């Protein structure tokens, strides 16, 4: 339960208990101050959530009306309500989150008290509007597109590999498969080793940074070299950890070696 909901409950307890009867009768009917909350918070673009507010009625007559929810000047939806005497209830609408800056609030309209059966009187509610709830929602279309692009690239590479494997004769395919397995095992094992080495270097740097008197510590001369080592290990670890990058670089290296040998022979 959020602090906002706890505050609403405490407010209602003190408003509706008999000991506060005079205060309750004279208090303003309508919204509890600042009472906008969500079924999910924080939320992202595309989320389907509920926007809630809370209406209370400490009067001796039944209160009815309509809560209209706005995002700045745009109406998000509305909901009719009926609150019995000395009662309270939450009111909500469904909302699909969009990207951008949002300023959400609720407003009570057409408020009226039930005077007798079938007879109503209009009532002015000073607290007929909630405080504004501001949120900024970032677009996630670009991130999704990037993920789809990467998945598509990996899938394409995989499909090309299967096609080549099916079209290649066994006496060529088997040595190639064996070589590929050896390279893949090398890549994975070396990646694990470099990751462990990277962790060790980071610990060394942390140890050097935690020395109380760095100006008098002779080991400080190692710090720049450790940072350089960490930099190259990070790049090396990235290449080994990314299968596509690893094999692209490997193919480029083989290409330049073969071109160099070709030029030397011919």
Foldseek 3Di string as FASTA:
>chain_A
DDPLVVVVVVVLCCLQDPVCLVVNQPDFWFFDAQFWDKPDPPDAAFDKIKIKTKGFAQHQFKKWFKKWKDFVPHTQDMDIDIAGHSGMDMDIDIDRDHAAKTWMKIFTPPMWTCPDVVDIDGDDGPHGIYHIDIDGHHDCPVVVVVVVVVVVVVVVVVVVVVVCLVPDDPVVNVVVVVVVVVVLVVLVVVLVVLVVVLVVLVVVLVVLVPDPDNVPDPCVVCNVVSVVSNVVSVVSNVCSVDPVSVVVVVVVVVVVVVVVVVVVVD
